Amino acid sequence: MPSPAPSPQADHTAACLYCAQSTEYPLDHPGTVLCPVCEWQEAQRCACSG
């Protein structure tokens, strides 16, 4: 039984810098790449450090 093919989107998305989950950004996206959860947590940290 052949293994299922990986989704095309998974092959072309960057991994989150903090948790390594796939993100909605392409591999060639410049800057820090975060998943939605880590992006939200980073925004909370920046908003409260003041």
Protein backbone atom coordinates (compact mmCIF):
# COMPACT_ATOMS: atom_id res chain seq x y z
CA MET A 1 0.00 0.00 0.00
CA PRO A 2 1.62 3.29 -1.05
CA SER A 3 1.97 6.09 1.46
CA PRO A 4 -0.21 9.17 0.93
CA ALA A 5 1.42 11.98 -1.00
CA PRO A 6 2.26 15.06 1.03
CA SER A 7 0.08 18.06 0.38
CA PRO A 8 1.55 20.49 -2.15
CA GLN A 9 1.16 23.40 0.25
CA ALA A 10 3.19 21.68 2.98
CA ASP A 11 6.20 21.39 0.66
CA HIS A 12 6.27 25.10 -0.12
CA THR A 13 5.64 26.73 3.24
CA ALA A 14 8.23 27.90 5.73
CA ALA A 15 8.52 26.42 9.22
CA CYS A 16 7.89 28.57 12.29
CA LEU A 17 11.10 29.85 13.87
CA TYR A 18 9.90 28.99 17.40
CA CYS A 19 7.86 25.78 17.16
CA ALA A 20 8.70 24.43 13.66
CA GLN A 21 5.02 24.12 12.66
CA SER A 22 4.21 24.96 9.06
CA THR A 23 3.19 28.54 8.39
CA GLU A 24 1.13 30.30 5.75
CA TYR A 25 4.27 31.96 4.37
CA PRO A 26 6.27 30.70 1.37
CA LEU A 27 9.80 29.38 1.85
CA ASP A 28 11.31 32.51 0.30
CA HIS A 29 9.46 34.95 2.61
CA PRO A 30 11.95 37.46 4.05
CA GLY A 31 12.24 38.12 7.77
CA THR A 32 11.15 36.14 10.80
CA VAL A 33 8.53 33.52 9.95
CA LEU A 34 6.09 32.52 12.68
CA CYS A 35 2.97 30.36 12.75
CA PRO A 36 -0.29 32.13 13.69
CA VAL A 37 -0.06 31.01 17.34
CA CYS A 38 3.53 32.14 17.85
CA GLU A 39 2.83 35.34 15.90
CA TRP A 40 -0.01 36.14 18.32
CA GLN A 41 2.14 35.32 21.36
CA GLU A 42 4.96 37.52 20.04
CA ALA A 43 2.53 40.40 19.53
CA GLN A 44 1.31 40.00 23.13
CA ARG A 45 4.89 40.09 24.46
CA CYS A 46 5.75 43.20 22.44
CA ALA A 47 2.54 44.99 23.42
CA CYS A 48 3.14 44.47 27.14
CA SER A 49 6.82 45.40 27.18
CA GLY A 50 6.76 49.00 27.42
